[in-house]
Amino acid sequence: MAAARDRANGGAGASAPTPAAAPVPGGERRVTLAAITGAHGLGGEVRLKLFTDDAEALGRYRTLDAAGRALRLLSVRAAGPGAIARFEGISDRSAAEALRGTALTVARSELPPLAEGEYYHADLIGLPVHPVDEAGTGPQFGTVVAVENFGAGDVIDIRREDGRTVMAPMHAATLDDGMIRVERPFLES
């Protein structure tokens, strides 16, 4: 079994599914770390919905991509379940409000290295899922389309080959050779 590395890195909390890592020109995927939800005050600060464990994790990145525009992060602080940030060149409420709804991303290669047994949520999106039992590994059952966490651990949302979806807890899954093996009873619905 594997453990999630902080939600950044592509993960999300109970209220939102994990944003997928999006491809960028040149083939490298980008990972969404936060989304701008609106302006904060009159001086150009923005409110953020975080997909990291905390504001400090976002602060490791000095420059974030905002829909093709590089934004240099000047400051970030925790604010309730999200954060408040200030970016270079965003100096008034109108400029901050114009960024509402913008995803803030970094290249996947910029994320910190993982320890043995850890994973980034974004790396799970798109992986094939195979059932496993005492008889061995079965044929592909589906593909991971999201990772959720409702407070009791990560849950993968799997789109089955027939188009329906099923959820399985990560404690019943094993990451192995570019696929996820899930104990068969957790795939039966």
C-alpha atoms as a PDB file:
ATOM      1  CA  MET A   1       0.000   0.000   0.000  1.00  0.00           C
ATOM      2  CA  ALA A   2       1.065   3.535  -0.587  1.00  0.00           C
ATOM      3  CA  ALA A   3       0.567   6.746   1.297  1.00  0.00           C
ATOM      4  CA  ALA A   4      -0.419  10.051  -0.218  1.00  0.00           C
ATOM      5  CA  ARG A   5       2.162  12.802  -0.200  1.00  0.00           C
ATOM      6  CA  ASP A   6       0.528  16.086   0.597  1.00  0.00           C
ATOM      7  CA  ARG A   7      -2.616  16.912  -1.307  1.00  0.00           C
ATOM      8  CA  ALA A   8      -0.686  19.245  -3.561  1.00  0.00           C
ATOM      9  CA  ASN A   9       0.596  17.869  -5.612  1.00  0.00           C
ATOM     10  CA  GLY A  10      -2.720  17.098  -7.064  1.00  0.00           C
ATOM     11  CA  GLY A  11      -4.825  16.037  -4.194  1.00  0.00           C
ATOM     12  CA  ALA A  12      -7.950  17.518  -2.716  1.00  0.00           C
ATOM     13  CA  GLY A  13     -10.030  17.598   0.393  1.00  0.00           C
ATOM     14  CA  ALA A  14     -13.493  16.368   1.099  1.00  0.00           C
ATOM     15  CA  SER A  15     -15.218  19.042  -0.927  1.00  0.00           C
ATOM     16  CA  ALA A  16     -13.504  18.668  -4.269  1.00  0.00           C
ATOM     17  CA  PRO A  17     -12.069  15.922  -6.448  1.00  0.00           C
ATOM     18  CA  THR A  18      -8.407  15.917  -7.266  1.00  0.00           C
ATOM     19  CA  PRO A  19      -7.583  18.105 -10.204  1.00  0.00           C
ATOM     20  CA  ALA A  20      -5.896  16.070 -12.886  1.00  0.00           C
ATOM     21  CA  ALA A  21      -2.388  16.787 -14.028  1.00  0.00           C
ATOM     22  CA  ALA A  22      -2.792  18.533 -17.361  1.00  0.00           C
ATOM     23  CA  PRO A  23      -0.353  18.066 -20.235  1.00  0.00           C
ATOM     24  CA  VAL A  24       1.538  21.103 -21.488  1.00  0.00           C
ATOM     25  CA  PRO A  25       3.409  21.808 -24.687  1.00  0.00           C
ATOM     26  CA  GLY A  26       6.553  19.702 -24.689  1.00  0.00           C
ATOM     27  CA  GLY A  27       4.722  16.832 -23.027  1.00  0.00           C
ATOM     28  CA  GLU A  28       5.269  17.646 -19.345  1.00  0.00           C
ATOM     29  CA  ARG A  29       2.181  17.530 -17.189  1.00  0.00           C
ATOM     30  CA  ARG A  30       1.188  20.446 -14.985  1.00  0.00           C
ATOM     31  CA  VAL A  31      -0.288  19.921 -11.550  1.00  0.00           C
ATOM     32  CA  THR A  32      -2.864  22.288 -10.074  1.00  0.00           C
ATOM     33  CA  LEU A  33      -1.822  23.472  -6.613  1.00  0.00           C
ATOM     34  CA  ALA A  34      -4.558  26.066  -6.034  1.00  0.00           C
ATOM     35  CA  ALA A  35      -7.374  27.983  -7.689  1.00  0.00           C
ATOM     36  CA  ILE A  36      -8.074  31.687  -7.297  1.00  0.00           C
ATOM     37  CA  THR A  37     -11.561  32.141  -5.871  1.00  0.00           C
ATOM     38  CA  GLY A  38     -11.664  35.939  -5.838  1.00  0.00           C
ATOM     39  CA  ALA A  39     -10.157  39.171  -4.584  1.00  0.00           C
ATOM     40  CA  HIS A  40      -9.309  39.835  -0.939  1.00  0.00           C
ATOM     41  CA  GLY A  41      -9.455  43.494   0.030  1.00  0.00           C
ATOM     42  CA  LEU A  42      -8.528  46.422  -2.192  1.00  0.00           C
ATOM     43  CA  GLY A  43      -4.760  45.962  -2.547  1.00  0.00           C
ATOM     44  CA  GLY A  44      -4.584  43.127  -5.081  1.00  0.00           C
ATOM     45  CA  GLU A  45      -4.505  40.093  -2.800  1.00  0.00           C
ATOM     46  CA  VAL A  46      -6.419  36.988  -3.891  1.00  0.00           C
ATOM     47  CA  ARG A  47      -8.248  34.231  -2.030  1.00  0.00           C
ATOM     48  CA  LEU A  48      -7.153  30.703  -2.878  1.00  0.00           C
ATOM     49  CA  LYS A  49      -8.699  27.273  -2.696  1.00  0.00           C
ATOM     50  CA  LEU A  50      -5.731  25.046  -1.913  1.00  0.00           C
ATOM     51  CA  PHE A  51      -5.017  21.619  -3.308  1.00  0.00           C
ATOM     52  CA  THR A  52      -1.963  21.408  -1.045  1.00  0.00           C
ATOM     53  CA  ASP A  53      -1.892  20.439   2.599  1.00  0.00           C
ATOM     54  CA  ASP A  54      -1.420  24.051   3.635  1.00  0.00           C
ATOM     55  CA  ALA A  55      -0.363  27.523   2.519  1.00  0.00           C
ATOM     56  CA  GLU A  56       3.253  26.811   3.467  1.00  0.00           C
ATOM     57  CA  ALA A  57       3.400  24.036   0.852  1.00  0.00           C
ATOM     58  CA  LEU A  58       2.279  26.498  -1.820  1.00  0.00           C
ATOM     59  CA  GLY A  59       4.903  28.977  -0.629  1.00  0.00           C
ATOM     60  CA  ARG A  60       7.696  26.651  -1.820  1.00  0.00           C
ATOM     61  CA  TYR A  61       6.963  27.761  -5.371  1.00  0.00           C
ATOM     62  CA  ARG A  62       8.026  31.249  -6.341  1.00  0.00           C
ATOM     63  CA  THR A  63       6.406  31.252  -9.769  1.00  0.00           C
ATOM     64  CA  LEU A  64       3.081  29.655 -10.660  1.00  0.00           C
ATOM     65  CA  ASP A  65       1.455  29.311 -14.061  1.00  0.00           C
ATOM     66  CA  ALA A  66      -1.961  30.986 -14.327  1.00  0.00           C
ATOM     67  CA  ALA A  67      -3.466  29.923 -17.660  1.00  0.00           C
ATOM     68  CA  GLY A  68      -0.213  30.576 -19.503  1.00  0.00           C
ATOM     69  CA  ARG A  69       0.739  33.654 -17.488  1.00  0.00           C
ATOM     70  CA  ALA A  70       3.634  33.368 -15.035  1.00  0.00           C
ATOM     71  CA  LEU A  71       2.706  34.831 -11.644  1.00  0.00           C
ATOM     72  CA  ARG A  72       5.496  35.473  -9.152  1.00  0.00           C
ATOM     73  CA  LEU A  73       4.293  34.671  -5.631  1.00  0.00           C
ATOM     74  CA  LEU A  74       5.257  37.444  -3.201  1.00  0.00           C
ATOM     75  CA  SER A  75       3.459  36.137  -0.110  1.00  0.00           C
ATOM     76  CA  VAL A  76       0.947  33.536   0.989  1.00  0.00           C
ATOM     77  CA  ARG A  77      -0.743  32.981   4.352  1.00  0.00           C
ATOM     78  CA  ALA A  78      -3.351  30.618   5.699  1.00  0.00           C
ATOM     79  CA  ALA A  79      -6.916  31.891   5.880  1.00  0.00           C
ATOM     80  CA  GLY A  80      -9.508  29.407   7.101  1.00  0.00           C
ATOM     81  CA  PRO A  81      -9.566  26.366   4.811  1.00  0.00           C
ATOM     82  CA  GLY A  82      -7.757  28.283   2.063  1.00  0.00           C
ATOM     83  CA  ALA A  83      -5.142  30.983   1.779  1.00  0.00           C
ATOM     84  CA  ILE A  84      -4.574  34.620   0.857  1.00  0.00           C
ATOM     85  CA  ALA A  85      -1.799  35.364  -1.650  1.00  0.00           C
ATOM     86  CA  ARG A  86      -0.142  38.356  -3.222  1.00  0.00           C
ATOM     87  CA  PHE A  87       1.403  38.202  -6.695  1.00  0.00           C
ATOM     88  CA  GLU A  88       3.786  40.590  -8.395  1.00  0.00           C
ATOM     89  CA  GLY A  89       1.956  42.929 -10.787  1.00  0.00           C
ATOM     90  CA  ILE A  90      -1.483  42.395  -9.206  1.00  0.00           C
ATOM     91  CA  SER A  91      -1.903  45.647  -7.306  1.00  0.00           C
ATOM     92  CA  ASP A  92      -5.627  46.367  -7.065  1.00  0.00           C
ATOM     93  CA  ARG A  93      -8.941  44.652  -6.528  1.00  0.00           C
ATOM     94  CA  SER A  94      -9.885  44.770 -10.237  1.00  0.00           C
ATOM     95  CA  ALA A  95      -6.704  42.959 -11.277  1.00  0.00           C
ATOM     96  CA  ALA A  96      -7.208  40.400  -8.512  1.00  0.00           C
ATOM     97  CA  GLU A  97     -10.876  39.868  -9.414  1.00  0.00           C
ATOM     98  CA  ALA A  98      -9.926  39.321 -13.078  1.00  0.00           C
ATOM     99  CA  LEU A  99      -8.039  36.191 -11.953  1.00  0.00           C
ATOM    100  CA  ARG A 100     -11.105  34.595 -10.340  1.00  0.00           C
ATOM    101  CA  GLY A 101     -11.411  30.960 -11.420  1.00  0.00           C
ATOM    102  CA  THR A 102      -7.795  30.694 -12.581  1.00  0.00           C
ATOM    103  CA  ALA A 103      -5.926  27.497 -11.731  1.00  0.00           C
ATOM    104  CA  LEU A 104      -2.383  27.901 -10.416  1.00  0.00           C
ATOM    105  CA  THR A 105      -0.128  25.136 -11.676  1.00  0.00           C
ATOM    106  CA  VAL A 106       3.475  23.932 -11.684  1.00  0.00           C
ATOM    107  CA  ALA A 107       5.240  21.379 -13.848  1.00  0.00           C
ATOM    108  CA  ARG A 108       5.083  17.870 -12.376  1.00  0.00           C
ATOM    109  CA  SER A 109       8.900  17.818 -12.270  1.00  0.00           C
ATOM    110  CA  GLU A 110       8.884  20.741  -9.791  1.00  0.00           C
ATOM    111  CA  LEU A 111       7.150  18.715  -7.081  1.00  0.00           C
ATOM    112  CA  PRO A 112       9.316  17.420  -4.228  1.00  0.00           C
ATOM    113  CA  PRO A 113      10.608  13.857  -4.538  1.00  0.00           C
ATOM    114  CA  LEU A 114       8.565  11.110  -2.933  1.00  0.00           C
ATOM    115  CA  ALA A 115       9.613   8.691  -0.232  1.00  0.00           C
ATOM    116  CA  GLU A 116       9.167   4.977  -0.746  1.00  0.00           C
ATOM    117  CA  GLY A 117       5.473   4.063  -0.689  1.00  0.00           C
ATOM    118  CA  GLU A 118       4.207   7.618  -1.252  1.00  0.00           C
ATOM    119  CA  TYR A 119       2.306   8.928  -4.259  1.00  0.00           C
ATOM    120  CA  TYR A 120       0.912  12.146  -5.602  1.00  0.00           C
ATOM    121  CA  HIS A 121      -2.807  12.106  -6.292  1.00  0.00           C
ATOM    122  CA  ALA A 122      -2.214  13.573  -9.747  1.00  0.00           C
ATOM    123  CA  ASP A 123      -0.044  10.591 -10.654  1.00  0.00           C
ATOM    124  CA  LEU A 124      -2.952   8.210 -10.064  1.00  0.00           C
ATOM    125  CA  ILE A 125      -5.285   9.896 -12.554  1.00  0.00           C
ATOM    126  CA  GLY A 126      -5.425   7.876 -15.763  1.00  0.00           C
ATOM    127  CA  LEU A 127      -3.829   4.718 -14.355  1.00  0.00           C
ATOM    128  CA  PRO A 128      -5.449   1.409 -15.307  1.00  0.00           C
ATOM    129  CA  VAL A 129      -7.093  -0.543 -12.484  1.00  0.00           C
ATOM    130  CA  HIS A 130      -6.964  -4.333 -12.313  1.00  0.00           C
ATOM    131  CA  PRO A 131      -8.773  -6.587  -9.833  1.00  0.00           C
ATOM    132  CA  VAL A 132      -6.601  -8.868  -7.731  1.00  0.00           C
ATOM    133  CA  ASP A 133      -7.463 -11.867  -5.598  1.00  0.00           C
ATOM    134  CA  GLU A 134      -5.835 -15.137  -4.562  1.00  0.00           C
ATOM    135  CA  ALA A 135      -6.028 -16.286  -8.213  1.00  0.00           C
ATOM    136  CA  GLY A 136      -3.880 -13.339  -9.322  1.00  0.00           C
ATOM    137  CA  THR A 137      -4.391 -10.151 -11.291  1.00  0.00           C
ATOM    138  CA  GLY A 138      -7.384  -9.935 -13.617  1.00  0.00           C
ATOM    139  CA  PRO A 139      -7.864  -7.981 -16.857  1.00  0.00           C
ATOM    140  CA  GLN A 140      -8.244  -4.205 -16.783  1.00  0.00           C
ATOM    141  CA  PHE A 141     -11.367  -3.245 -14.870  1.00  0.00           C
ATOM    142  CA  GLY A 142     -11.262   0.506 -15.464  1.00  0.00           C
ATOM    143  CA  THR A 143      -9.261   3.719 -15.148  1.00  0.00           C
ATOM    144  CA  VAL A 144      -8.760   6.140 -12.242  1.00  0.00           C
ATOM    145  CA  VAL A 145     -10.626   9.379 -13.000  1.00  0.00           C
ATOM    146  CA  ALA A 146     -10.366  11.131  -9.607  1.00  0.00           C
ATOM    147  CA  VAL A 147      -9.023  10.807  -6.088  1.00  0.00           C
ATOM    148  CA  GLU A 148     -11.233  11.865  -3.200  1.00  0.00           C
ATOM    149  CA  ASN A 149     -10.620  12.128   0.523  1.00  0.00           C
ATOM    150  CA  PHE A 150     -13.657  12.359   2.755  1.00  0.00           C
ATOM    151  CA  GLY A 151     -11.603  12.277   5.954  1.00  0.00           C
ATOM    152  CA  ALA A 152     -10.933   8.564   6.395  1.00  0.00           C
ATOM    153  CA  GLY A 153      -8.270   8.177   3.715  1.00  0.00           C
ATOM    154  CA  ASP A 154      -7.912   8.382  -0.032  1.00  0.00           C
ATOM    155  CA  VAL A 155     -10.579   6.867  -2.246  1.00  0.00           C
ATOM    156  CA  ILE A 156     -10.052   6.344  -5.969  1.00  0.00           C
ATOM    157  CA  ASP A 157     -12.919   6.953  -8.377  1.00  0.00           C
ATOM    158  CA  ILE A 158     -12.715   4.354 -11.142  1.00  0.00           C
ATOM    159  CA  ARG A 159     -14.492   4.556 -14.495  1.00  0.00           C
ATOM    160  CA  ARG A 160     -15.248   0.974 -15.429  1.00  0.00           C
ATOM    161  CA  GLU A 161     -14.902  -0.362 -18.954  1.00  0.00           C
ATOM    162  CA  ASP A 162     -18.731  -0.239 -19.256  1.00  0.00           C
ATOM    163  CA  GLY A 163     -18.748   3.505 -18.422  1.00  0.00           C
ATOM    164  CA  ARG A 164     -20.110   3.232 -14.877  1.00  0.00           C
ATOM    165  CA  THR A 165     -18.034   4.402 -11.924  1.00  0.00           C
ATOM    166  CA  VAL A 166     -17.104   2.738  -8.663  1.00  0.00           C
ATOM    167  CA  MET A 167     -15.045   3.961  -5.717  1.00  0.00           C
ATOM    168  CA  ALA A 168     -12.430   1.934  -3.871  1.00  0.00           C
ATOM    169  CA  PRO A 169     -10.343   2.855  -0.830  1.00  0.00           C
ATOM    170  CA  MET A 170      -6.604   3.165  -1.382  1.00  0.00           C
ATOM    171  CA  HIS A 171      -5.979   0.910   1.617  1.00  0.00           C
ATOM    172  CA  ALA A 172      -7.274  -1.921  -0.615  1.00  0.00           C
ATOM    173  CA  ALA A 173      -5.016  -0.934  -3.523  1.00  0.00           C
ATOM    174  CA  THR A 174      -1.411  -1.472  -4.530  1.00  0.00           C
ATOM    175  CA  LEU A 175       0.527   0.696  -6.976  1.00  0.00           C
ATOM    176  CA  ASP A 176       2.630  -1.499  -9.197  1.00  0.00           C
ATOM    177  CA  ASP A 177       4.285  -1.099 -12.597  1.00  0.00           C
ATOM    178  CA  GLY A 178       2.107   1.767 -13.853  1.00  0.00           C
ATOM    179  CA  MET A 179      -1.155   0.192 -12.723  1.00  0.00           C
ATOM    180  CA  ILE A 180      -3.272  -0.050  -9.615  1.00  0.00           C
ATOM    181  CA  ARG A 181      -4.283  -3.449  -8.316  1.00  0.00           C
ATOM    182  CA  VAL A 182      -7.430  -3.368  -6.162  1.00  0.00           C
ATOM    183  CA  GLU A 183      -8.722  -6.239  -4.049  1.00  0.00           C
ATOM    184  CA  ARG A 184     -11.650  -7.688  -6.015  1.00  0.00           C
ATOM    185  CA  PRO A 185     -14.325  -7.365  -3.267  1.00  0.00           C
ATOM    186  CA  PHE A 186     -13.865  -3.580  -3.296  1.00  0.00           C
ATOM    187  CA  LEU A 187     -14.691  -3.433  -7.004  1.00  0.00           C
ATOM    188  CA  GLU A 188     -17.986  -5.255  -6.769  1.00  0.00           C
ATOM    189  CA  SER A 189     -21.028  -3.011  -6.640  1.00  0.00           C
END
